[in-house]
């Protein structure tokens, strides 16, 4: 059963401008070290697109969690995007949040195209039978 859905779209330009204005402070406040490393391994506009997609993932996750009835304040680094060996994105959680996420399977989809990045998160209740 779907417990919550969240979607968010982000302007790549907005993320680029924030990263230029606030430099590494912006990156360290919002993103995990692994997210920064992954995005910085890209070249050109793909860096900002990847950062924007991860920003959107964090926002989409907050929306999905709220829709599931588990609204609570979150820090930016409570959830972050990692990748499987096949480069499939998924969300990882801080140790405190991981316990709260045990009742759910979390599904993540990311996409970006030129000027925008989008993320969708679906929280699916685990079948206890």
Protein backbone atom coordinates (compact mmCIF):
# COMPACT_ATOMS: atom_id res chain seq x y z
CA UNK A 1 0.00 0.00 0.00
CA UNK A 2 1.29 3.47 -0.86
CA UNK A 3 1.74 5.50 2.30
CA UNK A 4 3.04 8.72 0.74
CA UNK A 5 4.07 10.31 -2.54
CA UNK A 6 6.22 13.38 -3.00
CA UNK A 7 7.42 15.16 -6.12
CA UNK A 8 9.57 18.24 -6.54
CA UNK A 9 10.96 20.18 -9.48
CA UNK A 10 13.99 22.45 -9.14
CA UNK A 11 15.53 25.08 -11.37
CA UNK A 12 19.09 24.06 -12.27
CA UNK A 13 19.96 27.76 -12.56
CA UNK A 14 18.76 28.41 -9.00
CA UNK A 15 21.01 25.69 -7.60
CA UNK A 16 23.93 26.86 -9.73
CA UNK A 17 23.52 30.44 -8.51
CA UNK A 18 23.31 29.34 -4.86
CA UNK A 19 26.44 27.23 -5.24
CA UNK A 20 28.26 30.19 -6.81
CA UNK A 21 27.05 32.69 -4.23
CA UNK A 22 27.59 30.58 -1.12
CA UNK A 23 30.28 28.31 -2.58
CA UNK A 24 31.21 25.24 -0.55
CA UNK A 25 29.12 26.39 2.46
CA UNK A 26 25.94 25.78 0.42
CA UNK A 27 27.08 22.33 -0.67
CA UNK A 28 28.11 21.26 2.83
CA UNK A 29 24.87 22.51 4.39
CA UNK A 30 22.57 20.69 1.96
CA UNK A 31 24.43 17.65 0.63
CA UNK A 32 26.28 14.65 2.06
CA UNK A 33 29.93 14.16 1.21
CA UNK A 34 29.03 11.27 -1.10
CA UNK A 35 26.47 13.44 -2.93
CA UNK A 36 29.04 16.21 -3.39
CA UNK A 37 31.65 13.72 -4.63
CA UNK A 38 29.19 12.16 -7.09
CA UNK A 39 28.04 15.49 -8.50
CA UNK A 40 31.54 16.95 -8.72
CA UNK A 41 32.63 13.91 -10.73
CA UNK A 42 30.40 15.24 -13.52
CA UNK A 43 31.46 17.92 -15.98
CA UNK A 44 29.92 21.18 -17.14
CA UNK A 45 26.21 21.73 -16.59
CA UNK A 46 25.82 18.12 -15.41
CA UNK A 47 27.28 19.18 -12.04
CA UNK A 48 24.43 21.64 -11.39
CA UNK A 49 21.84 19.27 -12.86
CA UNK A 50 22.97 16.49 -10.54
CA UNK A 51 22.94 18.81 -7.52
CA UNK A 52 19.47 20.07 -8.46
CA UNK A 53 18.16 16.50 -8.79
CA UNK A 54 19.44 15.67 -5.31
CA UNK A 55 17.93 18.85 -3.89
CA UNK A 56 14.62 17.84 -5.48
CA UNK A 57 14.94 14.34 -3.98
CA UNK A 58 15.27 15.78 -0.48
CA UNK A 59 12.20 17.98 -0.99
CA UNK A 60 10.19 15.14 -2.55
CA UNK A 61 11.11 12.89 0.36
CA UNK A 62 9.90 15.48 2.88
CA UNK A 63 6.59 15.70 1.02
CA UNK A 64 6.19 11.91 0.87
CA UNK A 65 6.97 11.58 4.58
CA UNK A 66 4.43 14.29 5.42
CA UNK A 67 1.81 12.59 3.22
CA UNK A 68 2.44 9.32 5.09
CA UNK A 69 1.41 10.98 8.34
CA UNK A 70 4.97 11.16 9.66
CA UNK A 71 5.51 14.89 9.45
CA UNK A 72 8.53 15.95 11.46
CA UNK A 73 11.30 18.50 11.05
CA UNK A 74 14.15 17.12 8.98
CA UNK A 75 17.70 18.28 8.50
CA UNK A 76 18.99 18.46 4.94
CA UNK A 77 21.38 15.61 5.60
CA UNK A 78 18.85 13.24 7.21
CA UNK A 79 18.27 11.72 3.76
CA UNK A 80 20.66 11.59 0.83
CA UNK A 81 20.97 10.01 -2.57
CA UNK A 82 23.29 7.05 -3.11
CA UNK A 83 23.62 4.75 -6.13
CA UNK A 84 23.63 1.00 -6.62
CA UNK A 85 26.40 -0.63 -8.62
CA UNK A 86 24.16 -0.16 -11.67
CA UNK A 87 24.00 3.61 -10.94
CA UNK A 88 20.36 3.40 -9.82
CA UNK A 89 19.61 6.13 -7.26
CA UNK A 90 18.11 5.35 -3.88
CA UNK A 91 17.71 7.21 -0.59
CA UNK A 92 19.80 6.51 2.49
CA UNK A 93 18.88 7.82 5.91
CA UNK A 94 20.61 9.04 9.04
CA UNK A 95 20.70 6.48 11.85
CA UNK A 96 17.90 8.29 13.69
CA UNK A 97 15.66 8.48 10.63
CA UNK A 98 16.48 4.92 9.51
CA UNK A 99 14.52 3.50 12.45
CA UNK A 100 11.48 5.59 11.51
CA UNK A 101 11.74 4.39 7.90
CA UNK A 102 11.66 0.67 8.79
CA UNK A 103 7.89 0.34 8.05
CA UNK A 104 8.45 1.61 4.49
CA UNK A 105 10.03 0.68 1.21
CA UNK A 106 11.25 3.91 -0.33
CA UNK A 107 11.27 4.34 -4.11
CA UNK A 108 13.14 7.21 -5.80
CA UNK A 109 13.20 8.45 -9.37
CA UNK A 110 15.38 11.33 -10.57
CA UNK A 111 15.53 13.13 -13.90
CA UNK A 112 16.99 16.33 -15.28
CA UNK A 113 16.76 18.09 -18.61
CA UNK A 114 18.64 21.27 -19.41
CA UNK A 115 17.03 23.80 -17.04
CA UNK A 116 15.10 21.63 -14.58
CA UNK A 117 15.55 18.61 -12.35
CA UNK A 118 12.74 16.54 -10.89
CA UNK A 119 12.45 13.85 -8.25
CA UNK A 120 9.65 11.57 -7.18
CA UNK A 121 9.57 9.58 -3.94
CA UNK A 122 7.04 6.89 -3.12
CA UNK A 123 6.83 5.45 0.39
CA UNK A 124 5.28 2.03 0.30
CA UNK A 125 4.13 0.37 3.49
CA UNK A 126 5.82 -2.99 3.98
CA UNK A 127 3.50 -5.97 3.95
CA UNK A 128 3.60 -7.50 7.43
CA UNK A 129 1.84 -10.73 6.54
